[in-house]
Amino acid sequence: MRHQSLYRAYRPQAFKEVVGQDEVVQPLLTQIAGKKVGHAYLFAGSRGLGKTSIARIFAKELNVHERDVYELDAASHNGVDEVRSLNDSIYTLPFASEYKVYILDEAHMLSKGAWNALLKTLEEPPQHVIIILATTELEKVPETVRSRCQVFTFKKPSRSGLAKLVQDVAKKEGVKIEPAAAELIALLGDGSYRDALSVLEKALSAGDGKVLSREQTEQATGAPRHALVHGLAEAVSTGDTGTALKTIHAAQEGNIDMQLYLMLVLEYFRQILLIRHAPELQKEIQEELGEDAYKDAKVLSDAKDSLLTHQALGTFLDAASRIRFSPVPSLPLELAVLAISRQD
């Protein structure tokens, strides 16, 4: 029985294991090698990019004993008293290391009073202290704090980078994963290493432990079946408004999240247009979609007088900006269909 999530099990333990954050890792390695380590760092970026993991690795590479590494969740310890207590402990010497490292996660959650209490320490920290602030919302960190830290911005991984990570982890778990399944998981991961591995874990738990297909992944994650995505694309292509609206209705009746459905529809439309206009990318798209889905997309890309054009993609992209606020989740998709159709 698994006792750790995939994200925890495969969390990087050294800088050489970190994927996709060279702009952060290389400067930190250079500082360590040159013994020019700063005393205040600010790691910024969206969730699941490895900010806390890299903070821990940084401490490890500096040979800081685990007894001298302190982690504080600022979301639940965001008051003045907590920061004053932190300030008091900062001035005590390390137990077994040259440095004491303090990692404050979700730092943007600190109150105004807490920031003020921390500011003096950031201005004149003891020589033995390194403070690392991690945040998903850099704009909420006061400028006075940012100016006293070395700021590192973490990048979201590319879709292909996430898919490769998913494939590598699945292989380590002894499961062969179809490229189309890895691509779907990467898409559902929404630019987060942690989220992608959480989706993979969910899919693996529902599979047979040997092979993971796109169909199994769809079933395990609640992602809409390819037939619903292709069906809408086909109906839009031919201007069959009734079938397009019925397909959207079928997705809604299947309790499919409309935002997720629209995201997959947009991706499929994009792939069809790339097959049509960028033949050199066809092999790459074939790997992303899988053999059967690629054949479906190729038929639509080759269709004469198709209404599935870049204007249609733009119309559905506009729907994506409205769907979050729509009182009827399917309405933006339905309006997009009507705007494109010859029957409108």
C-alpha atoms as a PDB file:
ATOM      1  CA  MET A   1       0.000   0.000   0.000  1.00  0.00           C
ATOM      2  CA  ARG A   2       1.312   3.464  -0.972  1.00  0.00           C
ATOM      3  CA  HIS A   3       2.084   5.717   1.986  1.00  0.00           C
ATOM      4  CA  GLN A   4       3.207   8.741  -0.047  1.00  0.00           C
ATOM      5  CA  SER A   5       1.615  10.644  -2.880  1.00  0.00           C
ATOM      6  CA  LEU A   6       3.479  10.529  -6.191  1.00  0.00           C
ATOM      7  CA  TYR A   7       4.402  14.174  -5.808  1.00  0.00           C
ATOM      8  CA  ARG A   8       6.029  13.524  -2.445  1.00  0.00           C
ATOM      9  CA  ALA A   9       7.615  10.258  -3.560  1.00  0.00           C
ATOM     10  CA  TYR A  10       9.224  11.916  -6.586  1.00  0.00           C
ATOM     11  CA  ARG A  11       9.919  15.314  -5.067  1.00  0.00           C
ATOM     12  CA  PRO A  12      13.457  16.338  -6.178  1.00  0.00           C
ATOM     13  CA  GLN A  13      16.111  15.841  -3.506  1.00  0.00           C
ATOM     14  CA  ALA A  14      18.980  17.596  -5.305  1.00  0.00           C
ATOM     15  CA  PHE A  15      19.362  20.421  -7.812  1.00  0.00           C
ATOM     16  CA  LYS A  16      20.274  17.944 -10.568  1.00  0.00           C
ATOM     17  CA  GLU A  17      16.804  16.382 -10.184  1.00  0.00           C
ATOM     18  CA  VAL A  18      14.938  19.677 -10.618  1.00  0.00           C
ATOM     19  CA  VAL A  19      13.135  19.947 -13.958  1.00  0.00           C
ATOM     20  CA  GLY A  20      12.462  23.146 -15.881  1.00  0.00           C
ATOM     21  CA  GLN A  21      13.755  25.760 -13.414  1.00  0.00           C
ATOM     22  CA  ASP A  22      17.298  26.401 -14.690  1.00  0.00           C
ATOM     23  CA  GLU A  23      16.876  30.176 -14.312  1.00  0.00           C
ATOM     24  CA  VAL A  24      16.491  29.594 -10.570  1.00  0.00           C
ATOM     25  CA  VAL A  25      18.821  26.656  -9.999  1.00  0.00           C
ATOM     26  CA  GLN A  26      21.907  27.922 -11.840  1.00  0.00           C
ATOM     27  CA  PRO A  27      22.236  31.253  -9.977  1.00  0.00           C
ATOM     28  CA  LEU A  28      21.787  29.461  -6.642  1.00  0.00           C
ATOM     29  CA  LEU A  29      24.481  26.932  -7.557  1.00  0.00           C
ATOM     30  CA  THR A  30      26.785  29.789  -8.574  1.00  0.00           C
ATOM     31  CA  GLN A  31      26.222  31.534  -5.237  1.00  0.00           C
ATOM     32  CA  ILE A  32      26.971  28.335  -3.330  1.00  0.00           C
ATOM     33  CA  ALA A  33      30.134  27.673  -5.339  1.00  0.00           C
ATOM     34  CA  GLY A  34      31.335  31.262  -4.905  1.00  0.00           C
ATOM     35  CA  LYS A  35      30.327  31.380  -1.237  1.00  0.00           C
ATOM     36  CA  LYS A  36      28.281  34.490  -1.937  1.00  0.00           C
ATOM     37  CA  VAL A  37      24.988  33.414  -0.451  1.00  0.00           C
ATOM     38  CA  GLY A  38      22.397  36.088   0.317  1.00  0.00           C
ATOM     39  CA  HIS A  39      20.348  36.366   3.467  1.00  0.00           C
ATOM     40  CA  ALA A  40      16.883  36.951   2.012  1.00  0.00           C
ATOM     41  CA  TYR A  41      15.245  35.271  -0.982  1.00  0.00           C
ATOM     42  CA  LEU A  42      11.766  35.506  -2.474  1.00  0.00           C
ATOM     43  CA  PHE A  43      10.576  32.551  -4.573  1.00  0.00           C
ATOM     44  CA  ALA A  44       7.521  33.486  -6.636  1.00  0.00           C
ATOM     45  CA  GLY A  45       5.366  31.410  -8.963  1.00  0.00           C
ATOM     46  CA  SER A  46       2.092  29.548  -9.260  1.00  0.00           C
ATOM     47  CA  ARG A  47       1.290  26.437  -7.234  1.00  0.00           C
ATOM     48  CA  GLY A  48       3.101  23.155  -7.656  1.00  0.00           C
ATOM     49  CA  LEU A  49       6.285  24.460  -9.318  1.00  0.00           C
ATOM     50  CA  GLY A  50       8.714  23.329  -6.610  1.00  0.00           C
ATOM     51  CA  LYS A  51       9.342  26.532  -4.677  1.00  0.00           C
ATOM     52  CA  THR A  52       9.446  24.826  -1.284  1.00  0.00           C
ATOM     53  CA  SER A  53      11.359  21.848  -2.679  1.00  0.00           C
ATOM     54  CA  ILE A  54      14.086  24.102  -4.078  1.00  0.00           C
ATOM     55  CA  ALA A  55      14.242  26.029  -0.809  1.00  0.00           C
ATOM     56  CA  ARG A  56      14.877  22.730   1.009  1.00  0.00           C
ATOM     57  CA  ILE A  57      17.463  21.654  -1.555  1.00  0.00           C
ATOM     58  CA  PHE A  58      19.218  25.016  -1.229  1.00  0.00           C
ATOM     59  CA  ALA A  59      19.536  24.445   2.521  1.00  0.00           C
ATOM     60  CA  LYS A  60      20.740  20.894   1.920  1.00  0.00           C
ATOM     61  CA  GLU A  61      23.391  22.037  -0.596  1.00  0.00           C
ATOM     62  CA  LEU A  62      24.630  24.499   2.019  1.00  0.00           C
ATOM     63  CA  ASN A  63      25.067  21.550   4.414  1.00  0.00           C
ATOM     64  CA  VAL A  64      22.462  22.914   6.791  1.00  0.00           C
ATOM     65  CA  HIS A  65      21.422  20.240   9.273  1.00  0.00           C
ATOM     66  CA  GLU A  66      17.692  19.479   9.331  1.00  0.00           C
ATOM     67  CA  ARG A  67      17.561  20.747  12.927  1.00  0.00           C
ATOM     68  CA  ASP A  68      18.538  24.175  11.588  1.00  0.00           C
ATOM     69  CA  VAL A  69      15.849  24.319   8.879  1.00  0.00           C
ATOM     70  CA  TYR A  70      12.539  25.844   9.978  1.00  0.00           C
ATOM     71  CA  GLU A  71       9.381  25.866   7.870  1.00  0.00           C
ATOM     72  CA  LEU A  72       6.440  28.112   8.644  1.00  0.00           C
ATOM     73  CA  ASP A  73       3.093  28.172   6.864  1.00  0.00           C
ATOM     74  CA  ALA A  74       2.329  31.881   6.725  1.00  0.00           C
ATOM     75  CA  ALA A  75      -1.280  31.150   5.757  1.00  0.00           C
ATOM     76  CA  SER A  76      -2.010  29.903   9.267  1.00  0.00           C
ATOM     77  CA  HIS A  77       0.729  31.785  11.168  1.00  0.00           C
ATOM     78  CA  ASN A  78       0.322  35.238   9.720  1.00  0.00           C
ATOM     79  CA  GLY A  79       0.040  37.462  12.757  1.00  0.00           C
ATOM     80  CA  VAL A  80       2.410  39.879  14.456  1.00  0.00           C
ATOM     81  CA  ASP A  81       2.970  37.596  17.452  1.00  0.00           C
ATOM     82  CA  GLU A  82       4.078  34.681  15.277  1.00  0.00           C
ATOM     83  CA  VAL A  83       6.574  36.867  13.389  1.00  0.00           C
ATOM     84  CA  ARG A  84       7.902  38.403  16.616  1.00  0.00           C
ATOM     85  CA  SER A  85       8.452  34.892  17.960  1.00  0.00           C
ATOM     86  CA  LEU A  86      10.238  34.072  14.701  1.00  0.00           C
ATOM     87  CA  ASN A  87      12.406  37.153  15.040  1.00  0.00           C
ATOM     88  CA  ASP A  88      13.396  36.119  18.564  1.00  0.00           C
ATOM     89  CA  SER A  89      14.460  32.638  17.424  1.00  0.00           C
ATOM     90  CA  ILE A  90      16.403  34.029  14.459  1.00  0.00           C
ATOM     91  CA  TYR A  91      19.001  35.575  16.754  1.00  0.00           C
ATOM     92  CA  THR A  92      19.886  32.298  18.459  1.00  0.00           C
ATOM     93  CA  LEU A  93      22.838  30.449  16.947  1.00  0.00           C
ATOM     94  CA  PRO A  94      22.404  27.292  14.795  1.00  0.00           C
ATOM     95  CA  PHE A  95      22.543  23.870  16.441  1.00  0.00           C
ATOM     96  CA  ALA A  96      24.850  22.071  14.051  1.00  0.00           C
ATOM     97  CA  SER A  97      25.381  24.205  10.931  1.00  0.00           C
ATOM     98  CA  GLU A  98      26.883  27.394   9.639  1.00  0.00           C
ATOM     99  CA  TYR A  99      23.403  28.707   8.827  1.00  0.00           C
ATOM    100  CA  LYS A 100      19.838  28.618  10.067  1.00  0.00           C
ATOM    101  CA  VAL A 101      17.355  28.574   7.184  1.00  0.00           C
ATOM    102  CA  TYR A 102      13.783  29.837   7.604  1.00  0.00           C
ATOM    103  CA  ILE A 103      11.270  28.956   4.875  1.00  0.00           C
ATOM    104  CA  LEU A 104       8.008  30.928   4.979  1.00  0.00           C
ATOM    105  CA  ASP A 105       5.475  29.380   2.610  1.00  0.00           C
ATOM    106  CA  GLU A 106       2.463  31.362   1.321  1.00  0.00           C
ATOM    107  CA  ALA A 107       4.251  34.499   2.467  1.00  0.00           C
ATOM    108  CA  HIS A 108       1.712  36.816   0.828  1.00  0.00           C
ATOM    109  CA  MET A 109      -0.741  35.792   3.582  1.00  0.00           C
ATOM    110  CA  LEU A 110       1.197  37.697   6.253  1.00  0.00           C
ATOM    111  CA  SER A 111      -0.693  40.594   7.771  1.00  0.00           C
ATOM    112  CA  LYS A 112       0.480  44.182   7.412  1.00  0.00           C
ATOM    113  CA  GLY A 113       1.661  44.167  11.008  1.00  0.00           C
ATOM    114  CA  ALA A 114       3.528  40.913  10.458  1.00  0.00           C
ATOM    115  CA  TRP A 115       5.314  42.357   7.424  1.00  0.00           C
ATOM    116  CA  ASN A 116       6.358  45.377   9.450  1.00  0.00           C
ATOM    117  CA  ALA A 117       7.671  43.112  12.198  1.00  0.00           C
ATOM    118  CA  LEU A 118       9.657  41.080   9.663  1.00  0.00           C
ATOM    119  CA  LEU A 119      11.026  44.044   7.754  1.00  0.00           C
ATOM    120  CA  LYS A 120      13.709  45.037  10.284  1.00  0.00           C
ATOM    121  CA  THR A 121      15.050  41.483  10.321  1.00  0.00           C
ATOM    122  CA  LEU A 122      15.199  41.486   6.518  1.00  0.00           C
ATOM    123  CA  GLU A 123      17.095  44.779   6.605  1.00  0.00           C
ATOM    124  CA  GLU A 124      19.724  43.615   9.118  1.00  0.00           C
ATOM    125  CA  PRO A 125      19.654  39.824   9.421  1.00  0.00           C
ATOM    126  CA  PRO A 126      22.238  38.012  11.529  1.00  0.00           C
ATOM    127  CA  GLN A 127      25.099  36.530   9.503  1.00  0.00           C
ATOM    128  CA  HIS A 128      23.987  32.982  10.283  1.00  0.00           C
ATOM    129  CA  VAL A 129      20.412  33.393   8.970  1.00  0.00           C
ATOM    130  CA  ILE A 130      18.901  32.798   5.537  1.00  0.00           C
ATOM    131  CA  ILE A 131      15.226  33.664   5.058  1.00  0.00           C
ATOM    132  CA  ILE A 132      13.352  32.233   2.062  1.00  0.00           C
ATOM    133  CA  LEU A 133       9.870  33.547   1.358  1.00  0.00           C
ATOM    134  CA  ALA A 134       7.689  31.531  -1.035  1.00  0.00           C
ATOM    135  CA  THR A 135       4.556  32.978  -2.623  1.00  0.00           C
ATOM    136  CA  THR A 136       2.027  32.310  -5.339  1.00  0.00           C
ATOM    137  CA  GLU A 137       0.995  35.979  -5.388  1.00  0.00           C
ATOM    138  CA  LEU A 138       4.041  38.207  -5.753  1.00  0.00           C
ATOM    139  CA  GLU A 139       1.954  41.346  -6.203  1.00  0.00           C
ATOM    140  CA  LYS A 140       0.706  40.987  -2.600  1.00  0.00           C
ATOM    141  CA  VAL A 141       4.219  41.103  -1.180  1.00  0.00           C
ATOM    142  CA  PRO A 142       5.069  44.693  -0.155  1.00  0.00           C
ATOM    143  CA  GLU A 143       7.608  46.453  -2.354  1.00  0.00           C
ATOM    144  CA  THR A 144       9.670  47.256   0.743  1.00  0.00           C
ATOM    145  CA  VAL A 145      10.050  43.505   1.293  1.00  0.00           C
ATOM    146  CA  ARG A 146      10.719  42.653  -2.346  1.00  0.00           C
ATOM    147  CA  SER A 147      13.487  45.245  -2.538  1.00  0.00           C
ATOM    148  CA  ARG A 148      15.320  43.543   0.341  1.00  0.00           C
ATOM    149  CA  CYS A 149      15.184  40.067  -1.206  1.00  0.00           C
ATOM    150  CA  GLN A 150      16.717  38.320  -4.168  1.00  0.00           C
ATOM    151  CA  VAL A 151      13.595  37.592  -6.217  1.00  0.00           C
ATOM    152  CA  PHE A 152      13.411  34.391  -8.284  1.00  0.00           C
ATOM    153  CA  THR A 153      10.419  33.790 -10.523  1.00  0.00           C
ATOM    154  CA  PHE A 154       9.526  30.168 -11.193  1.00  0.00           C
ATOM    155  CA  LYS A 155       8.296  29.277 -14.676  1.00  0.00           C
ATOM    156  CA  LYS A 156       5.317  27.116 -15.476  1.00  0.00           C
ATOM    157  CA  PRO A 157       6.396  23.964 -17.325  1.00  0.00           C
ATOM    158  CA  SER A 158       5.535  23.481 -20.970  1.00  0.00           C
ATOM    159  CA  ARG A 159       2.873  20.923 -21.862  1.00  0.00           C
ATOM    160  CA  SER A 160       5.538  18.682 -23.386  1.00  0.00           C
ATOM    161  CA  GLY A 161       7.679  19.023 -20.262  1.00  0.00           C
ATOM    162  CA  LEU A 162       4.784  17.983 -18.042  1.00  0.00           C
ATOM    163  CA  ALA A 163       3.937  15.056 -20.338  1.00  0.00           C
ATOM    164  CA  LYS A 164       7.547  13.853 -20.172  1.00  0.00           C
ATOM    165  CA  LEU A 165       7.498  14.042 -16.376  1.00  0.00           C
ATOM    166  CA  VAL A 166       4.264  12.026 -16.325  1.00  0.00           C
ATOM    167  CA  GLN A 167       5.774   9.401 -18.626  1.00  0.00           C
ATOM    168  CA  ASP A 168       8.960   9.173 -16.538  1.00  0.00           C
ATOM    169  CA  VAL A 169       7.070   8.760 -13.259  1.00  0.00           C
ATOM    170  CA  ALA A 170       4.678   6.210 -14.753  1.00  0.00           C
ATOM    171  CA  LYS A 171       7.687   4.213 -15.976  1.00  0.00           C
ATOM    172  CA  LYS A 172       9.217   4.275 -12.503  1.00  0.00           C
ATOM    173  CA  GLU A 173       5.893   2.995 -11.185  1.00  0.00           C
ATOM    174  CA  GLY A 174       6.122   0.089 -13.628  1.00  0.00           C
ATOM    175  CA  VAL A 175       3.271   1.273 -15.860  1.00  0.00           C
ATOM    176  CA  LYS A 176       3.402   1.852 -19.607  1.00  0.00           C
ATOM    177  CA  ILE A 177       1.445   5.001 -20.378  1.00  0.00           C
ATOM    178  CA  GLU A 178       0.176   5.870 -23.821  1.00  0.00           C
ATOM    179  CA  PRO A 179       1.511   9.241 -25.077  1.00  0.00           C
ATOM    180  CA  ALA A 180      -2.076  10.450 -25.576  1.00  0.00           C
ATOM    181  CA  ALA A 181      -2.832   9.660 -21.915  1.00  0.00           C
ATOM    182  CA  ALA A 182       0.299  11.516 -20.790  1.00  0.00           C
ATOM    183  CA  GLU A 183      -0.709  14.523 -22.911  1.00  0.00           C
ATOM    184  CA  LEU A 184      -4.199  14.541 -21.394  1.00  0.00           C
ATOM    185  CA  ILE A 185      -2.774  14.376 -17.870  1.00  0.00           C
ATOM    186  CA  ALA A 186      -0.369  17.208 -18.699  1.00  0.00           C
ATOM    187  CA  LEU A 187      -3.312  19.266 -19.949  1.00  0.00           C
ATOM    188  CA  LEU A 188      -5.311  18.553 -16.796  1.00  0.00           C
ATOM    189  CA  GLY A 189      -2.239  19.404 -14.703  1.00  0.00           C
ATOM    190  CA  ASP A 190      -2.677  23.022 -15.820  1.00  0.00           C
ATOM    191  CA  GLY A 191       0.972  24.023 -15.604  1.00  0.00           C
ATOM    192  CA  SER A 192       1.646  22.458 -12.197  1.00  0.00           C
ATOM    193  CA  TYR A 193       4.030  19.569 -11.526  1.00  0.00           C
ATOM    194  CA  ARG A 194       2.149  18.714  -8.357  1.00  0.00           C
ATOM    195  CA  ASP A 195      -1.273  18.768  -9.999  1.00  0.00           C
ATOM    196  CA  ALA A 196      -0.105  16.683 -12.955  1.00  0.00           C
ATOM    197  CA  LEU A 197       1.270  13.985 -10.655  1.00  0.00           C
ATOM    198  CA  SER A 198      -1.936  14.082  -8.597  1.00  0.00           C
ATOM    199  CA  VAL A 199      -3.945  13.457 -11.776  1.00  0.00           C
ATOM    200  CA  LEU A 200      -1.543  10.668 -12.750  1.00  0.00           C
ATOM    201  CA  GLU A 201      -1.945   9.069  -9.335  1.00  0.00           C
ATOM    202  CA  LYS A 202      -5.710   9.134  -9.693  1.00  0.00           C
ATOM    203  CA  ALA A 203      -5.516   7.576 -13.144  1.00  0.00           C
ATOM    204  CA  LEU A 204      -3.060   4.883 -12.030  1.00  0.00           C
ATOM    205  CA  SER A 205      -5.269   3.912  -9.104  1.00  0.00           C
ATOM    206  CA  ALA A 206      -8.090   3.148 -11.533  1.00  0.00           C
ATOM    207  CA  GLY A 207      -5.948   1.313 -14.100  1.00  0.00           C
ATOM    208  CA  ASP A 208      -4.788  -2.281 -14.302  1.00  0.00           C
ATOM    209  CA  GLY A 209      -1.258  -1.474 -13.135  1.00  0.00           C
ATOM    210  CA  LYS A 210       0.335  -2.391 -16.464  1.00  0.00           C
ATOM    211  CA  VAL A 211      -0.853  -0.021 -19.187  1.00  0.00           C
ATOM    212  CA  LEU A 212      -2.619   3.325 -18.910  1.00  0.00           C
ATOM    213  CA  SER A 213      -4.623   4.400 -21.969  1.00  0.00           C
ATOM    214  CA  ARG A 214      -6.276   7.714 -22.759  1.00  0.00           C
ATOM    215  CA  GLU A 215      -9.683   6.062 -22.368  1.00  0.00           C
ATOM    216  CA  GLN A 216      -8.801   4.816 -18.879  1.00  0.00           C
ATOM    217  CA  THR A 217      -7.497   8.274 -18.010  1.00  0.00           C
ATOM    218  CA  GLU A 218     -10.695   9.925 -19.201  1.00  0.00           C
ATOM    219  CA  GLN A 219     -12.768   7.547 -17.102  1.00  0.00           C
ATOM    220  CA  ALA A 220     -10.619   7.966 -13.989  1.00  0.00           C
ATOM    221  CA  THR A 221     -10.377  11.750 -14.111  1.00  0.00           C
ATOM    222  CA  GLY A 222     -13.856  12.618 -15.333  1.00  0.00           C
ATOM    223  CA  ALA A 223     -12.440  14.223 -18.475  1.00  0.00           C
ATOM    224  CA  PRO A 224     -14.909  14.192 -21.368  1.00  0.00           C
ATOM    225  CA  ARG A 225     -14.602  11.291 -23.766  1.00  0.00           C
ATOM    226  CA  HIS A 226     -12.870  12.051 -27.033  1.00  0.00           C
ATOM    227  CA  ALA A 227     -16.146  11.257 -28.843  1.00  0.00           C
ATOM    228  CA  LEU A 228     -17.813  14.291 -27.224  1.00  0.00           C
ATOM    229  CA  VAL A 229     -14.953  16.591 -28.171  1.00  0.00           C
ATOM    230  CA  HIS A 230     -14.685  15.250 -31.725  1.00  0.00           C
ATOM    231  CA  GLY A 231     -18.464  15.247 -32.121  1.00  0.00           C
ATOM    232  CA  LEU A 232     -18.639  18.962 -31.398  1.00  0.00           C
ATOM    233  CA  ALA A 233     -15.724  19.704 -33.735  1.00  0.00           C
ATOM    234  CA  GLU A 234     -17.338  17.690 -36.519  1.00  0.00           C
ATOM    235  CA  ALA A 235     -20.708  19.415 -36.102  1.00  0.00           C
ATOM    236  CA  VAL A 236     -19.075  22.864 -36.045  1.00  0.00           C
ATOM    237  CA  SER A 237     -17.063  21.980 -39.148  1.00  0.00           C
ATOM    238  CA  THR A 238     -20.181  21.100 -41.155  1.00  0.00           C
ATOM    239  CA  GLY A 239     -22.404  23.815 -39.710  1.00  0.00           C
ATOM    240  CA  ASP A 240     -24.734  21.252 -38.113  1.00  0.00           C
ATOM    241  CA  THR A 241     -26.042  23.453 -35.327  1.00  0.00           C
ATOM    242  CA  GLY A 242     -28.507  20.916 -33.953  1.00  0.00           C
ATOM    243  CA  THR A 243     -25.916  18.180 -33.521  1.00  0.00           C
ATOM    244  CA  ALA A 244     -23.428  20.630 -32.011  1.00  0.00           C
ATOM    245  CA  LEU A 245     -25.954  21.775 -29.414  1.00  0.00           C
ATOM    246  CA  LYS A 246     -27.006  18.179 -28.676  1.00  0.00           C
ATOM    247  CA  THR A 247     -23.343  17.237 -28.141  1.00  0.00           C
ATOM    248  CA  ILE A 248     -22.881  20.054 -25.634  1.00  0.00           C
ATOM    249  CA  HIS A 249     -26.100  18.979 -23.911  1.00  0.00           C
ATOM    250  CA  ALA A 250     -24.834  15.373 -23.739  1.00  0.00           C
ATOM    251  CA  ALA A 251     -21.628  16.569 -22.079  1.00  0.00           C
ATOM    252  CA  GLN A 252     -23.619  18.567 -19.536  1.00  0.00           C
ATOM    253  CA  GLU A 253     -25.957  15.630 -18.863  1.00  0.00           C
ATOM    254  CA  GLY A 254     -22.872  13.488 -18.239  1.00  0.00           C
ATOM    255  CA  ASN A 255     -21.906  15.837 -15.364  1.00  0.00           C
ATOM    256  CA  ILE A 256     -18.799  16.936 -17.217  1.00  0.00           C
ATOM    257  CA  ASP A 257     -17.285  20.192 -16.024  1.00  0.00           C
ATOM    258  CA  MET A 258     -17.983  22.692 -18.810  1.00  0.00           C
ATOM    259  CA  GLN A 259     -14.738  24.606 -18.277  1.00  0.00           C
ATOM    260  CA  LEU A 260     -12.753  21.404 -18.679  1.00  0.00           C
ATOM    261  CA  TYR A 261     -14.848  20.420 -21.700  1.00  0.00           C
ATOM    262  CA  LEU A 262     -14.232  23.792 -23.341  1.00  0.00           C
ATOM    263  CA  MET A 263     -10.514  23.584 -22.614  1.00  0.00           C
ATOM    264  CA  LEU A 264     -10.292  20.211 -24.385  1.00  0.00           C
ATOM    265  CA  VAL A 265     -12.414  21.483 -27.269  1.00  0.00           C
ATOM    266  CA  LEU A 266     -10.092  24.471 -27.710  1.00  0.00           C
ATOM    267  CA  GLU A 267      -7.063  22.204 -27.682  1.00  0.00           C
ATOM    268  CA  TYR A 268      -8.636  19.874 -30.258  1.00  0.00           C
ATOM    269  CA  PHE A 269      -9.623  22.761 -32.557  1.00  0.00           C
ATOM    270  CA  ARG A 270      -6.069  24.061 -32.287  1.00  0.00           C
ATOM    271  CA  GLN A 271      -4.623  20.664 -33.213  1.00  0.00           C
ATOM    272  CA  ILE A 272      -6.919  20.363 -36.235  1.00  0.00           C
ATOM    273  CA  LEU A 273      -5.827  23.782 -37.484  1.00  0.00           C
ATOM    274  CA  LEU A 274      -2.165  22.947 -36.946  1.00  0.00           C
ATOM    275  CA  ILE A 275      -2.542  19.738 -38.953  1.00  0.00           C
ATOM    276  CA  ARG A 276      -4.129  21.806 -41.735  1.00  0.00           C
ATOM    277  CA  HIS A 277      -1.676  24.698 -41.777  1.00  0.00           C
ATOM    278  CA  ALA A 278       1.572  23.254 -40.349  1.00  0.00           C
ATOM    279  CA  PRO A 279       2.183  19.807 -41.908  1.00  0.00           C
ATOM    280  CA  GLU A 280       5.615  19.621 -40.272  1.00  0.00           C
ATOM    281  CA  LEU A 281       3.889  19.335 -36.882  1.00  0.00           C
ATOM    282  CA  GLN A 282       1.680  16.393 -37.833  1.00  0.00           C
ATOM    283  CA  LYS A 283       3.925  13.746 -36.281  1.00  0.00           C
ATOM    284  CA  GLU A 284       4.065  15.637 -32.991  1.00  0.00           C
ATOM    285  CA  ILE A 285       0.286  16.073 -32.933  1.00  0.00           C
ATOM    286  CA  GLN A 286      -0.213  12.397 -33.769  1.00  0.00           C
ATOM    287  CA  GLU A 287       1.767  11.498 -30.635  1.00  0.00           C
ATOM    288  CA  GLU A 288      -0.278  13.943 -28.553  1.00  0.00           C
ATOM    289  CA  LEU A 289      -3.635  12.639 -29.750  1.00  0.00           C
ATOM    290  CA  GLY A 290      -2.953   8.958 -30.290  1.00  0.00           C
ATOM    291  CA  GLU A 291      -3.538   7.075 -33.541  1.00  0.00           C
ATOM    292  CA  ASP A 292      -7.350   6.904 -33.548  1.00  0.00           C
ATOM    293  CA  ALA A 293      -7.974  10.487 -32.426  1.00  0.00           C
ATOM    294  CA  TYR A 294      -5.393  11.737 -34.919  1.00  0.00           C
ATOM    295  CA  LYS A 295      -7.249  10.026 -37.781  1.00  0.00           C
ATOM    296  CA  ASP A 296     -10.440  11.808 -36.702  1.00  0.00           C
ATOM    297  CA  ALA A 297      -8.638  15.157 -36.536  1.00  0.00           C
ATOM    298  CA  LYS A 298      -6.976  14.612 -39.928  1.00  0.00           C
ATOM    299  CA  VAL A 299     -10.361  14.035 -41.584  1.00  0.00           C
ATOM    300  CA  LEU A 300     -11.631  17.342 -40.182  1.00  0.00           C
ATOM    301  CA  SER A 301      -8.461  19.193 -41.144  1.00  0.00           C
ATOM    302  CA  ASP A 302      -8.826  18.001 -44.761  1.00  0.00           C
ATOM    303  CA  ALA A 303     -12.550  18.798 -45.027  1.00  0.00           C
ATOM    304  CA  LYS A 304     -13.592  21.163 -47.813  1.00  0.00           C
ATOM    305  CA  ASP A 305     -15.552  24.324 -46.941  1.00  0.00           C
ATOM    306  CA  SER A 306     -15.108  23.622 -43.238  1.00  0.00           C
ATOM    307  CA  LEU A 307     -16.418  26.193 -40.781  1.00  0.00           C
ATOM    308  CA  LEU A 308     -13.755  25.096 -38.340  1.00  0.00           C
ATOM    309  CA  THR A 309     -11.368  27.987 -38.968  1.00  0.00           C
ATOM    310  CA  HIS A 310      -9.188  30.284 -36.920  1.00  0.00           C
ATOM    311  CA  GLN A 311     -12.205  32.577 -36.557  1.00  0.00           C
ATOM    312  CA  ALA A 312     -14.163  29.672 -35.043  1.00  0.00           C
ATOM    313  CA  LEU A 313     -11.312  28.979 -32.645  1.00  0.00           C
ATOM    314  CA  GLY A 314     -11.341  32.649 -31.678  1.00  0.00           C
ATOM    315  CA  THR A 315     -15.076  32.511 -31.028  1.00  0.00           C
ATOM    316  CA  PHE A 316     -14.677  29.568 -28.670  1.00  0.00           C
ATOM    317  CA  LEU A 317     -11.703  31.294 -27.040  1.00  0.00           C
ATOM    318  CA  ASP A 318     -13.997  34.246 -26.284  1.00  0.00           C
ATOM    319  CA  ALA A 319     -16.399  31.728 -24.701  1.00  0.00           C
ATOM    320  CA  ALA A 320     -13.584  30.627 -22.387  1.00  0.00           C
ATOM    321  CA  SER A 321     -13.307  34.151 -20.974  1.00  0.00           C
ATOM    322  CA  ARG A 322     -17.027  34.172 -20.144  1.00  0.00           C
ATOM    323  CA  ILE A 323     -17.697  30.652 -18.943  1.00  0.00           C
ATOM    324  CA  ARG A 324     -16.406  31.199 -15.409  1.00  0.00           C
ATOM    325  CA  PHE A 325     -19.023  33.885 -14.784  1.00  0.00           C
ATOM    326  CA  SER A 326     -21.902  32.356 -16.706  1.00  0.00           C
ATOM    327  CA  PRO A 327     -24.967  31.414 -14.598  1.00  0.00           C
ATOM    328  CA  VAL A 328     -25.570  28.598 -17.117  1.00  0.00           C
ATOM    329  CA  PRO A 329     -22.209  26.826 -17.642  1.00  0.00           C
ATOM    330  CA  SER A 330     -23.060  25.514 -21.124  1.00  0.00           C
ATOM    331  CA  LEU A 331     -24.358  28.856 -22.430  1.00  0.00           C
ATOM    332  CA  PRO A 332     -21.027  30.323 -23.690  1.00  0.00           C
ATOM    333  CA  LEU A 333     -20.396  27.154 -25.732  1.00  0.00           C
ATOM    334  CA  GLU A 334     -23.914  27.222 -27.158  1.00  0.00           C
ATOM    335  CA  LEU A 335     -23.576  30.887 -28.125  1.00  0.00           C
ATOM    336  CA  ALA A 336     -20.239  30.146 -29.786  1.00  0.00           C
ATOM    337  CA  VAL A 337     -21.885  27.410 -31.871  1.00  0.00           C
ATOM    338  CA  LEU A 338     -24.707  29.746 -32.919  1.00  0.00           C
ATOM    339  CA  ALA A 339     -22.224  32.498 -33.838  1.00  0.00           C
ATOM    340  CA  ILE A 340     -20.312  30.147 -36.146  1.00  0.00           C
ATOM    341  CA  SER A 341     -23.151  28.209 -37.708  1.00  0.00           C
ATOM    342  CA  ARG A 342     -24.499  29.014 -41.139  1.00  0.00           C
ATOM    343  CA  GLN A 343     -27.961  28.656 -39.611  1.00  0.00           C
ATOM    344  CA  ASP A 344     -27.432  31.554 -37.172  1.00  0.00           C
END
